Amino acid sequence: MARYVISFDDGAMDHISDADLPDVSKAAHAVIQEAVDAGVWVFGGGLGRQQASIVATDGTVTDGPFPETKEVIGGLVVVEVPSRQEALGWAAKFAAACTSAQEVRELLPDPELDAMLGARQR
C-alpha cells in the first residue's frame, strides 16, 4: 500500500459563497466519512492562511511564507491505497465535494519509519 497526499492551494475555495459553504462542508465531510469507512483515511486538515514560520537548521525562527508567494497549500488529505489510480479516484471525490481542483503526490515509502511505528503499536 502506498500513501498519497491530496492537496489544494490556499484560496482554491474562495469562489464558494458564504451561503454555499455549509453544503460544501457537508459534502467534504461525507467524502471523509467514506474514506474512513473504506479504511484508506490516514490524516487530513486545512491550514491557516499565511500563518507559517520557517525554522532554520540552527533553530532560528522567521515568519513566512509571505503573501507574495504564489502557491501555498491550503489543506491536505493523506490516504493509503494500493494504487495511484485509486488515489486519483479519491482526489476526484474531494474535488467534486470541495468544488476545487486537487493535487495528488505519492509520499516516499520509508520502511524504517514503518518499522518504528509497528514496534510502537505492539
N, C-alpha and C. Protein backbone atom coordinates (compact mmCIF):
# COMPACT_ATOMS: atom_id res chain seq x y z
N MET A 1 0.84 -1.18 0.00
CA MET A 1 0.00 0.00 0.00
C MET A 1 0.89 1.24 0.00
N ALA A 2 0.48 2.23 -0.71
CA ALA A 2 1.22 3.49 -0.78
C ALA A 2 0.37 4.60 -0.17
N ARG A 3 1.06 5.62 0.30
CA ARG A 3 0.36 6.79 0.83
C ARG A 3 0.46 7.93 -0.16
N TYR A 4 -0.63 8.64 -0.32
CA TYR A 4 -0.71 9.76 -1.24
C TYR A 4 -1.23 11.00 -0.51
N VAL A 5 -0.64 12.14 -0.84
CA VAL A 5 -1.12 13.42 -0.35
C VAL A 5 -2.04 13.99 -1.42
N ILE A 6 -3.23 14.33 -1.03
CA ILE A 6 -4.19 15.02 -1.90
C ILE A 6 -4.33 16.42 -1.30
N SER A 7 -3.97 17.45 -2.08
CA SER A 7 -3.96 18.79 -1.51
C SER A 7 -4.57 19.81 -2.47
N PHE A 8 -4.86 20.98 -1.91
CA PHE A 8 -5.36 22.08 -2.73
C PHE A 8 -4.67 23.36 -2.27
N ASP A 9 -4.58 24.31 -3.19
CA ASP A 9 -3.92 25.58 -2.91
C ASP A 9 -4.78 26.47 -2.02
N ASP A 10 -4.11 27.27 -1.22
CA ASP A 10 -4.78 28.29 -0.42
C ASP A 10 -5.55 29.20 -1.38
N GLY A 11 -6.77 29.45 -1.09
CA GLY A 11 -7.59 30.30 -1.95
C GLY A 11 -8.37 29.53 -2.99
N ALA A 12 -8.13 28.22 -3.11
CA ALA A 12 -8.82 27.42 -4.13
C ALA A 12 -10.32 27.36 -3.90
N MET A 13 -10.74 27.61 -2.68
CA MET A 13 -12.17 27.54 -2.36
C MET A 13 -12.77 28.93 -2.15
N ASP A 14 -12.02 29.96 -2.47
CA ASP A 14 -12.52 31.33 -2.28
C ASP A 14 -13.75 31.65 -3.13
N HIS A 15 -13.96 30.88 -4.19
CA HIS A 15 -15.12 31.13 -5.05
C HIS A 15 -16.44 30.67 -4.43
N ILE A 16 -16.36 29.95 -3.33
CA ILE A 16 -17.57 29.42 -2.68
C ILE A 16 -18.20 30.53 -1.84
N SER A 17 -19.47 30.80 -2.08
CA SER A 17 -20.17 31.85 -1.34
C SER A 17 -20.42 31.40 0.09
N ASP A 18 -20.62 32.35 0.99
CA ASP A 18 -20.94 32.03 2.38
C ASP A 18 -22.21 31.17 2.46
N ALA A 19 -23.15 31.44 1.56
CA ALA A 19 -24.40 30.68 1.56
C ALA A 19 -24.17 29.22 1.16
N ASP A 20 -23.20 28.97 0.26
CA ASP A 20 -22.94 27.61 -0.21
C ASP A 20 -21.95 26.84 0.67
N LEU A 21 -21.22 27.54 1.51
CA LEU A 21 -20.17 26.90 2.31
C LEU A 21 -20.69 25.75 3.18
N PRO A 22 -21.84 25.85 3.85
CA PRO A 22 -22.31 24.71 4.64
C PRO A 22 -22.54 23.44 3.79
N ASP A 23 -23.06 23.61 2.58
CA ASP A 23 -23.28 22.45 1.71
C ASP A 23 -21.96 21.83 1.26
N VAL A 24 -20.97 22.67 0.95
CA VAL A 24 -19.65 22.18 0.54
C VAL A 24 -19.00 21.45 1.72
N SER A 25 -19.10 22.02 2.90
CA SER A 25 -18.54 21.38 4.10
C SER A 25 -19.19 20.03 4.34
N LYS A 26 -20.50 19.96 4.20
CA LYS A 26 -21.22 18.70 4.39
C LYS A 26 -20.77 17.66 3.36
N ALA A 27 -20.61 18.08 2.11
CA ALA A 27 -20.16 17.17 1.05
C ALA A 27 -18.74 16.68 1.32
N ALA A 28 -17.87 17.59 1.75
CA ALA A 28 -16.48 17.21 2.04
C ALA A 28 -16.43 16.22 3.20
N HIS A 29 -17.22 16.48 4.25
CA HIS A 29 -17.23 15.57 5.38
C HIS A 29 -17.82 14.21 5.01
N ALA A 30 -18.73 14.18 4.06
CA ALA A 30 -19.27 12.90 3.59
C ALA A 30 -18.19 12.08 2.90
N VAL A 31 -17.34 12.74 2.11
CA VAL A 31 -16.23 12.02 1.45
C VAL A 31 -15.22 11.56 2.49
N ILE A 32 -14.95 12.39 3.49
CA ILE A 32 -14.04 11.98 4.57
C ILE A 32 -14.60 10.74 5.26
N GLN A 33 -15.90 10.75 5.57
CA GLN A 33 -16.50 9.58 6.22
C GLN A 33 -16.40 8.34 5.33
N GLU A 34 -16.59 8.53 4.03
CA GLU A 34 -16.46 7.42 3.09
C GLU A 34 -15.03 6.86 3.11
N ALA A 35 -14.03 7.76 3.16
CA ALA A 35 -12.62 7.32 3.20
C ALA A 35 -12.32 6.60 4.52
N VAL A 36 -12.86 7.11 5.62
CA VAL A 36 -12.68 6.45 6.92
C VAL A 36 -13.32 5.07 6.88
N ASP A 37 -14.54 4.98 6.38
CA ASP A 37 -15.25 3.70 6.30
C ASP A 37 -14.53 2.71 5.39
N ALA A 38 -13.88 3.23 4.34
CA ALA A 38 -13.15 2.37 3.41
C ALA A 38 -11.79 1.95 3.95
N GLY A 39 -11.37 2.57 5.07
CA GLY A 39 -10.09 2.21 5.67
C GLY A 39 -8.89 2.82 4.98
N VAL A 40 -9.09 3.87 4.17
CA VAL A 40 -7.97 4.48 3.45
C VAL A 40 -7.52 5.81 4.06
N TRP A 41 -8.34 6.39 4.96
CA TRP A 41 -8.04 7.68 5.57
C TRP A 41 -6.85 7.55 6.53
N VAL A 42 -5.85 8.42 6.39
CA VAL A 42 -4.73 8.46 7.32
C VAL A 42 -4.78 9.74 8.13
N PHE A 43 -4.93 10.87 7.44
CA PHE A 43 -4.90 12.17 8.11
C PHE A 43 -5.39 13.23 7.15
N GLY A 44 -5.85 14.35 7.68
CA GLY A 44 -6.21 15.47 6.83
C GLY A 44 -6.56 16.68 7.64
N GLY A 45 -6.55 17.84 6.97
CA GLY A 45 -6.94 19.07 7.63
C GLY A 45 -6.62 20.28 6.78
N GLY A 46 -7.21 21.39 7.16
CA GLY A 46 -6.94 22.66 6.50
C GLY A 46 -5.79 23.36 7.19
N LEU A 47 -5.15 24.27 6.47
CA LEU A 47 -4.04 25.02 7.02
C LEU A 47 -4.42 26.49 7.14
N GLY A 48 -3.97 27.14 8.21
CA GLY A 48 -4.24 28.55 8.41
C GLY A 48 -3.60 29.39 7.31
N ARG A 49 -4.34 30.34 6.84
CA ARG A 49 -3.89 31.19 5.74
C ARG A 49 -2.68 32.02 6.16
N GLN A 50 -1.55 31.77 5.51
CA GLN A 50 -0.31 32.52 5.70
C GLN A 50 0.14 32.59 7.15
N GLN A 51 -0.11 31.57 7.94
CA GLN A 51 0.33 31.55 9.33
C GLN A 51 1.42 30.51 9.51
N ALA A 52 2.53 30.71 8.82
CA ALA A 52 3.63 29.75 8.88
C ALA A 52 4.87 30.41 9.45
N SER A 53 5.76 29.59 9.97
CA SER A 53 7.07 30.05 10.41
C SER A 53 8.10 29.13 9.79
N ILE A 54 9.27 29.68 9.52
CA ILE A 54 10.38 28.89 8.97
C ILE A 54 11.38 28.68 10.10
N VAL A 55 11.76 27.43 10.36
CA VAL A 55 12.75 27.10 11.38
C VAL A 55 14.00 26.63 10.65
N ALA A 56 15.09 27.37 10.80
CA ALA A 56 16.36 27.06 10.14
C ALA A 56 17.07 25.91 10.85
N THR A 57 18.10 25.39 10.23
CA THR A 57 18.84 24.28 10.81
C THR A 57 19.49 24.64 12.15
N ASP A 58 19.74 25.93 12.37
CA ASP A 58 20.31 26.36 13.65
C ASP A 58 19.24 26.71 14.68
N GLY A 59 17.96 26.51 14.33
CA GLY A 59 16.87 26.79 15.24
C GLY A 59 16.29 28.19 15.15
N THR A 60 16.89 29.04 14.31
CA THR A 60 16.38 30.40 14.13
C THR A 60 14.99 30.33 13.50
N VAL A 61 14.06 31.13 14.04
CA VAL A 61 12.68 31.13 13.56
C VAL A 61 12.40 32.47 12.90
N THR A 62 11.85 32.41 11.68
CA THR A 62 11.42 33.61 10.98
C THR A 62 10.00 33.39 10.46
N ASP A 63 9.30 34.48 10.26
CA ASP A 63 7.95 34.39 9.72
C ASP A 63 8.02 34.13 8.22
N GLY A 64 7.01 33.43 7.71
CA GLY A 64 6.93 33.14 6.29
C GLY A 64 5.99 31.98 6.08
N PRO A 65 5.65 31.57 4.89
CA PRO A 65 5.91 32.32 3.67
C PRO A 65 5.09 33.61 3.65
N PHE A 66 5.43 34.47 2.76
CA PHE A 66 4.79 35.78 2.70
C PHE A 66 3.74 35.83 1.61
N PRO A 67 2.81 36.78 1.69
CA PRO A 67 1.69 36.85 0.73
C PRO A 67 2.10 36.88 -0.74
N GLU A 68 3.31 37.37 -1.06
CA GLU A 68 3.70 37.38 -2.46
C GLU A 68 3.99 35.97 -2.99
N THR A 69 4.06 34.98 -2.08
CA THR A 69 4.22 33.60 -2.50
C THR A 69 2.99 33.22 -3.31
N LYS A 70 3.19 32.68 -4.50
CA LYS A 70 2.06 32.42 -5.38
C LYS A 70 1.26 31.19 -4.99
N GLU A 71 1.91 30.14 -4.56
CA GLU A 71 1.19 28.92 -4.25
C GLU A 71 1.55 28.43 -2.85
N VAL A 72 0.54 28.32 -2.02
CA VAL A 72 0.70 27.82 -0.67
C VAL A 72 -0.39 26.77 -0.46
N ILE A 73 -0.05 25.67 0.19
CA ILE A 73 -1.04 24.63 0.42
C ILE A 73 -2.10 25.14 1.40
N GLY A 74 -3.36 24.96 1.04
CA GLY A 74 -4.47 25.39 1.88
C GLY A 74 -5.04 24.26 2.73
N GLY A 75 -4.84 23.04 2.30
CA GLY A 75 -5.33 21.89 3.03
C GLY A 75 -4.85 20.61 2.38
N LEU A 76 -4.92 19.51 3.13
CA LEU A 76 -4.44 18.25 2.59
C LEU A 76 -5.14 17.07 3.23
N VAL A 77 -5.07 15.98 2.53
CA VAL A 77 -5.57 14.69 2.98
C VAL A 77 -4.49 13.68 2.66
N VAL A 78 -4.27 12.72 3.54
CA VAL A 78 -3.37 11.61 3.25
C VAL A 78 -4.21 10.34 3.25
N VAL A 79 -4.14 9.61 2.15
CA VAL A 79 -4.84 8.33 2.03
C VAL A 79 -3.81 7.23 1.79
N GLU A 80 -4.13 6.03 2.23
CA GLU A 80 -3.28 4.87 1.99
C GLU A 80 -4.07 3.89 1.13
N VAL A 81 -3.62 3.74 -0.10
CA VAL A 81 -4.35 2.94 -1.09
C VAL A 81 -3.38 2.09 -1.89
N PRO A 82 -3.89 1.06 -2.58
CA PRO A 82 -3.00 0.17 -3.31
C PRO A 82 -2.43 0.73 -4.62
N SER A 83 -3.01 1.80 -5.16
CA SER A 83 -2.52 2.28 -6.45
C SER A 83 -2.73 3.79 -6.62
N ARG A 84 -1.95 4.37 -7.52
CA ARG A 84 -2.11 5.77 -7.86
C ARG A 84 -3.50 6.02 -8.43
N GLN A 85 -3.99 5.07 -9.22
CA GLN A 85 -5.33 5.20 -9.81
C GLN A 85 -6.40 5.36 -8.73
N GLU A 86 -6.27 4.59 -7.65
CA GLU A 86 -7.24 4.72 -6.56
C GLU A 86 -7.09 6.07 -5.86
N ALA A 87 -5.86 6.54 -5.69
CA ALA A 87 -5.63 7.87 -5.09
C ALA A 87 -6.28 8.95 -5.95
N LEU A 88 -6.14 8.81 -7.27
CA LEU A 88 -6.77 9.78 -8.18
C LEU A 88 -8.29 9.74 -8.06
N GLY A 89 -8.82 8.56 -7.84
CA GLY A 89 -10.27 8.43 -7.63
C GLY A 89 -10.73 9.16 -6.39
N TRP A 90 -9.96 9.04 -5.30
CA TRP A 90 -10.31 9.77 -4.08
C TRP A 90 -10.16 11.27 -4.30
N ALA A 91 -9.12 11.67 -5.02
CA ALA A 91 -8.93 13.10 -5.32
C ALA A 91 -10.12 13.64 -6.10
N ALA A 92 -10.64 12.85 -7.02
CA ALA A 92 -11.81 13.28 -7.80
C ALA A 92 -13.02 13.48 -6.89
N LYS A 93 -13.17 12.60 -5.90
CA LYS A 93 -14.28 12.76 -4.96
C LYS A 93 -14.13 14.03 -4.14
N PHE A 94 -12.90 14.30 -3.67
CA PHE A 94 -12.67 15.52 -2.91
C PHE A 94 -12.82 16.76 -3.78
N ALA A 95 -12.37 16.69 -5.02
CA ALA A 95 -12.52 17.83 -5.94
C ALA A 95 -13.99 18.16 -6.15
N ALA A 96 -14.80 17.14 -6.34
CA ALA A 96 -16.24 17.36 -6.55
C ALA A 96 -16.88 17.93 -5.29
N ALA A 97 -16.54 17.37 -4.14
CA ALA A 97 -17.15 17.82 -2.88
C ALA A 97 -16.73 19.25 -2.53
N CYS A 98 -15.45 19.56 -2.73
CA CYS A 98 -14.91 20.87 -2.36
C CYS A 98 -15.02 21.91 -3.48
N THR A 99 -15.49 21.48 -4.62
CA THR A 99 -15.59 22.32 -5.82
C THR A 99 -14.28 23.03 -6.13
N SER A 100 -13.17 22.29 -5.97
CA SER A 100 -11.85 22.84 -6.31
C SER A 100 -10.92 21.70 -6.72
N ALA A 101 -10.00 22.03 -7.61
CA ALA A 101 -9.03 21.05 -8.10
C ALA A 101 -8.15 20.55 -6.95
N GLN A 102 -7.69 19.33 -7.07
CA GLN A 102 -6.84 18.70 -6.06
C GLN A 102 -5.55 18.21 -6.72
N GLU A 103 -4.46 18.33 -6.00
CA GLU A 103 -3.16 17.83 -6.48
C GLU A 103 -2.88 16.52 -5.77
N VAL A 104 -2.29 15.56 -6.49
CA VAL A 104 -2.00 14.24 -5.92
C VAL A 104 -0.52 13.96 -6.05
N ARG A 105 0.09 13.58 -4.94
CA ARG A 105 1.51 13.22 -4.93
C ARG A 105 1.71 12.00 -4.03
N GLU A 106 2.56 11.10 -4.46
CA GLU A 106 2.86 9.92 -3.64
C GLU A 106 3.92 10.29 -2.60
N LEU A 107 3.67 9.86 -1.36
CA LEU A 107 4.68 10.02 -0.32
C LEU A 107 5.73 8.93 -0.51
N LEU A 108 6.97 9.27 -0.33
CA LEU A 108 8.03 8.29 -0.48
C LEU A 108 7.93 7.25 0.63
N PRO A 109 8.06 5.98 0.28
CA PRO A 109 8.00 4.95 1.32
C PRO A 109 9.21 5.05 2.24
N ASP A 110 9.02 4.69 3.49
CA ASP A 110 10.10 4.71 4.48
C ASP A 110 9.96 3.47 5.37
N PRO A 111 10.58 2.34 4.94
CA PRO A 111 10.45 1.10 5.71
C PRO A 111 10.93 1.23 7.15
N GLU A 112 11.94 2.07 7.38
CA GLU A 112 12.44 2.27 8.73
C GLU A 112 11.37 2.92 9.62
N LEU A 113 10.69 3.92 9.08
CA LEU A 113 9.60 4.57 9.82
C LEU A 113 8.47 3.57 10.07
N ASP A 114 8.13 2.79 9.06
CA ASP A 114 7.08 1.79 9.23
C ASP A 114 7.44 0.81 10.35
N ALA A 115 8.73 0.42 10.42
CA ALA A 115 9.17 -0.48 11.48
C ALA A 115 9.05 0.18 12.86
N MET A 116 9.40 1.48 12.93
CA MET A 116 9.27 2.21 14.20
C MET A 116 7.83 2.26 14.66
N LEU A 117 6.94 2.58 13.73
CA LEU A 117 5.51 2.66 14.06
C LEU A 117 4.95 1.29 14.42
N GLY A 118 5.39 0.26 13.71
CA GLY A 118 4.93 -1.08 14.02
C GLY A 118 5.36 -1.51 15.41
N ALA A 119 6.58 -1.17 15.81
CA ALA A 119 7.09 -1.51 17.15
C ALA A 119 6.30 -0.75 18.22
N ARG A 120 5.92 0.48 17.92
CA ARG A 120 5.17 1.31 18.87
C ARG A 120 3.76 0.73 19.10
N GLN A 121 3.18 0.15 18.06
CA GLN A 121 1.81 -0.37 18.15
C GLN A 121 1.76 -1.73 18.87
N ARG A 122 2.89 -2.37 19.00
CA ARG A 122 2.90 -3.70 19.66
C ARG A 122 2.78 -3.62 21.13
